């Protein structure tokens, strides 16, 4: 009887074949394998950049706008400095109103509102509550340049009182705007201080 020849077993190290890359579900493209980095750590493949939506503005343009806003003047005035600033500006605006437009009180009241906003924003955080106090004083002082007054002191006082009574809406509106901004800034300051105190070690 013929005996079938058996293949002799091969001794020694066998060559290892490289594993085939695994395919995704549905025959999709294979995922890139993690390449071993130095020290035995695996290196992840670089993230693929997602396409930007069609209507999105370019990032450099937004950065340019933010930089321009930060470059605007942002002085920090003390309580006394904010009062002097607001009073001086209202006196100048009242003089220009009298020279250019004939002294209408409505124009003076409209110009008073942005001055209140600037005063409330430019005052120091510690003196922010002085803003709603100094703006009505500045309004009254600047009103002397546009109020109808006579030659005597009594006529000037009566003209100022009449102007304050007729333009009380602008006075209250500007004071309310300055007070609202001051309260919001004060609340944000208190919250920041509380958050900083909580973050300190050993703070209760």
Protein backbone atom coordinates (compact mmCIF):
# COMPACT_ATOMS: atom_id res chain seq x y z
CA UNK A 1 0.00 0.00 0.00
CA UNK A 2 1.17 3.43 -0.83
CA UNK A 3 1.62 5.78 2.05
CA UNK A 4 0.74 9.43 1.56
CA UNK A 5 3.63 11.72 2.06
CA UNK A 6 3.21 14.02 4.97
CA UNK A 7 4.60 17.51 4.80
CA UNK A 8 7.28 17.89 7.42
CA UNK A 9 6.60 20.48 10.05
CA UNK A 10 8.60 23.63 9.67
CA UNK A 11 10.51 24.58 12.71
CA UNK A 12 11.74 28.03 13.49
CA UNK A 13 10.10 31.49 13.50
CA UNK A 14 7.31 31.97 11.03
CA UNK A 15 6.81 35.17 9.13
CA UNK A 16 3.92 37.16 10.49
CA UNK A 17 1.63 38.64 7.97
CA UNK A 18 0.46 42.19 8.37
CA UNK A 19 -3.22 42.37 9.34
CA UNK A 20 -5.53 43.61 6.67
CA UNK A 21 -7.17 46.96 7.36
CA UNK A 22 -10.69 46.59 8.68
CA UNK A 23 -13.42 47.90 6.43
CA UNK A 24 -16.32 49.95 7.68
CA UNK A 25 -19.89 48.93 7.55
CA UNK A 26 -21.44 48.71 4.14
CA UNK A 27 -18.11 48.54 2.37
CA UNK A 28 -17.09 52.06 3.34
CA UNK A 29 -13.54 53.37 3.42
CA UNK A 30 -11.25 51.85 6.00
CA UNK A 31 -10.35 53.86 9.06
CA UNK A 32 -6.70 54.84 9.42
CA UNK A 33 -4.86 52.71 11.94
CA UNK A 34 -3.23 54.32 14.94
CA UNK A 35 0.48 54.51 14.32
CA UNK A 36 2.68 53.83 17.34
CA UNK A 37 4.67 56.85 18.40
CA UNK A 38 7.87 57.07 20.37
CA UNK A 39 7.63 55.61 23.86
CA UNK A 40 4.86 53.16 22.99
CA UNK A 41 2.11 55.83 22.78
CA UNK A 42 -0.30 55.72 19.89
CA UNK A 43 -0.54 58.77 17.68
CA UNK A 44 -4.00 59.80 16.61
CA UNK A 45 -4.62 60.86 13.03
CA UNK A 46 -4.87 64.56 12.37
CA UNK A 47 -8.36 66.01 12.57
CA UNK A 48 -9.98 66.71 9.25
CA UNK A 49 -10.89 70.38 8.82
CA UNK A 50 -14.61 70.85 8.40
CA UNK A 51 -15.77 73.12 5.61
CA UNK A 52 -16.96 76.54 6.73
CA UNK A 53 -20.63 77.34 6.05
CA UNK A 54 -21.34 79.49 3.06
CA UNK A 55 -22.85 82.42 4.97
CA UNK A 56 -20.29 82.58 7.80
CA UNK A 57 -18.11 85.74 7.86
CA UNK A 58 -14.35 85.30 7.69
CA UNK A 59 -12.60 85.03 11.03
CA UNK A 60 -9.93 87.69 10.34
CA UNK A 61 -12.66 90.27 9.70
CA UNK A 62 -14.29 89.58 13.07
CA UNK A 63 -10.93 89.80 14.80
CA UNK A 64 -10.30 93.12 13.09
CA UNK A 65 -13.62 94.52 14.32
CA UNK A 66 -12.99 93.38 17.88
CA UNK A 67 -9.53 94.95 17.78
CA UNK A 68 -10.96 98.26 16.57
CA UNK A 69 -13.55 98.29 19.33
CA UNK A 70 -10.84 97.66 21.94
CA UNK A 71 -8.76 100.51 20.52
CA UNK A 72 -11.52 103.04 21.25
CA UNK A 73 -10.77 105.46 24.11
CA UNK A 74 -11.80 103.93 27.42
CA UNK A 75 -10.67 106.29 30.19
CA UNK A 76 -11.30 105.58 33.84
CA UNK A 77 -12.51 108.65 35.73
CA UNK A 78 -12.88 109.11 39.43
CA UNK A 79 -16.12 110.33 40.97
CA UNK A 80 -14.89 113.94 40.93
CA UNK A 81 -13.41 113.54 37.46
CA UNK A 82 -16.65 112.19 36.04
CA UNK A 83 -18.53 115.14 37.51
CA UNK A 84 -16.11 117.64 36.01
CA UNK A 85 -16.18 115.85 32.66
CA UNK A 86 -19.97 115.76 32.46
CA UNK A 87 -20.34 119.38 33.58
CA UNK A 88 -17.72 120.71 31.15
CA UNK A 89 -19.21 118.81 28.22
CA UNK A 90 -22.73 120.02 28.96
CA UNK A 91 -21.57 123.63 29.24
CA UNK A 92 -19.80 123.35 25.88
CA UNK A 93 -22.82 121.65 24.27
CA UNK A 94 -25.15 124.29 25.67
CA UNK A 95 -22.94 127.05 24.29
CA UNK A 96 -22.84 125.40 20.86
CA UNK A 97 -26.59 124.89 20.96
CA UNK A 98 -27.10 128.58 21.66
CA UNK A 99 -24.68 129.69 18.94
CA UNK A 100 -25.57 127.25 16.15
CA UNK A 101 -29.26 126.55 16.70
CA UNK A 102 -30.48 129.52 18.71
CA UNK A 103 -30.71 127.69 22.04
CA UNK A 104 -33.62 125.21 21.69
CA UNK A 105 -33.94 123.17 24.88
CA UNK A 106 -34.93 120.02 22.96
CA UNK A 107 -31.54 119.84 21.24
CA UNK A 108 -29.85 120.33 24.59
CA UNK A 109 -31.87 117.49 26.10
CA UNK A 110 -31.08 115.13 23.23
CA UNK A 111 -27.35 115.83 23.57
CA UNK A 112 -27.60 115.18 27.29
CA UNK A 113 -28.42 111.47 26.84
CA UNK A 114 -25.13 110.31 25.20
CA UNK A 115 -23.17 112.32 27.76
CA UNK A 116 -24.92 110.36 30.52
CA UNK A 117 -24.03 107.08 28.83
CA UNK A 118 -20.35 108.02 28.49
CA UNK A 119 -20.17 109.24 32.07
CA UNK A 120 -21.64 105.99 33.40
CA UNK A 121 -19.28 103.87 31.32
CA UNK A 122 -16.08 105.86 31.91
CA UNK A 123 -16.28 106.23 35.67
CA UNK A 124 -14.23 103.87 37.82
CA UNK A 125 -15.82 100.67 39.12
CA UNK A 126 -15.42 101.80 42.68
CA UNK A 127 -17.07 105.19 41.99
CA UNK A 128 -19.69 103.92 39.55
CA UNK A 129 -22.60 104.87 41.83
CA UNK A 130 -21.65 108.55 41.56
CA UNK A 131 -22.75 108.67 37.90
CA UNK A 132 -26.51 109.15 38.57
CA UNK A 133 -25.59 111.89 41.06
CA UNK A 134 -23.34 114.04 38.89
CA UNK A 135 -25.37 113.96 35.66
CA UNK A 136 -28.37 116.01 36.94
CA UNK A 137 -25.96 118.57 38.42
CA UNK A 138 -24.19 118.85 35.07
CA UNK A 139 -27.55 119.20 33.31
CA UNK A 140 -28.52 122.12 35.55
CA UNK A 141 -25.16 123.87 35.19
CA UNK A 142 -25.10 123.53 31.42
CA UNK A 143 -28.69 124.71 31.21
CA UNK A 144 -27.59 128.18 32.32
CA UNK A 145 -26.10 128.76 28.86
CA UNK A 146 -29.38 128.12 27.00
CA UNK A 147 -32.09 129.10 29.51
CA UNK A 148 -33.96 132.38 28.92
CA UNK A 149 -32.73 134.80 31.54
CA UNK A 150 -32.79 138.51 32.12
CA UNK A 151 -30.23 140.87 33.50
CA UNK A 152 -30.83 140.35 37.21
CA UNK A 153 -30.03 137.38 39.40
CA UNK A 154 -33.69 136.75 40.10
CA UNK A 155 -34.46 136.57 36.38
CA UNK A 156 -31.68 134.04 35.84
CA UNK A 157 -32.94 131.86 38.67
CA UNK A 158 -36.49 131.99 37.34
CA UNK A 159 -35.30 131.13 33.83
CA UNK A 160 -33.34 128.14 35.16
CA UNK A 161 -36.30 126.88 37.20
CA UNK A 162 -38.61 127.21 34.22
CA UNK A 163 -36.18 125.37 31.95
CA UNK A 164 -35.80 122.57 34.51
CA UNK A 165 -39.57 122.23 34.79
CA UNK A 166 -40.15 122.11 31.04
CA UNK A 167 -37.23 119.78 30.29
CA UNK A 168 -37.66 117.47 33.27
CA UNK A 169 -38.25 114.51 30.92
CA UNK A 170 -34.74 114.73 29.47
CA UNK A 171 -33.30 115.16 32.98
CA UNK A 172 -35.09 112.11 34.36
CA UNK A 173 -34.35 110.05 31.25
CA UNK A 174 -30.62 110.76 31.32
CA UNK A 175 -30.43 110.13 35.06
CA UNK A 176 -32.32 106.84 34.66
CA UNK A 177 -29.94 105.71 31.90
CA UNK A 178 -26.86 106.56 33.96
CA UNK A 179 -28.35 104.89 37.04
CA UNK A 180 -29.21 101.70 35.13
CA UNK A 181 -25.71 101.40 33.69
CA UNK A 182 -24.19 102.09 37.11
CA UNK A 183 -26.33 99.41 38.80
CA UNK A 184 -25.47 96.80 36.15
CA UNK A 185 -21.75 97.54 36.44
CA UNK A 186 -21.97 97.39 40.22
CA UNK A 187 -23.70 93.99 40.14
CA UNK A 188 -21.08 92.60 37.78
CA UNK A 189 -18.32 93.91 40.06
CA UNK A 190 -19.86 92.25 43.12
CA UNK A 191 -20.23 88.95 41.25
CA UNK A 192 -16.60 89.02 40.15
CA UNK A 193 -15.43 89.69 43.69
CA UNK A 194 -17.55 86.84 45.05
CA UNK A 195 -16.25 84.45 42.37
CA UNK A 196 -12.66 85.45 43.11
CA UNK A 197 -13.24 84.95 46.85
CA UNK A 198 -14.68 81.48 46.26
CA UNK A 199 -11.72 80.51 44.12
CA UNK A 200 -9.18 81.35 46.80
CA UNK A 201 -7.94 78.47 48.95
CA UNK A 202 -9.42 78.53 52.43
CA UNK A 203 -12.06 81.12 51.51
CA UNK A 204 -15.49 80.54 52.96
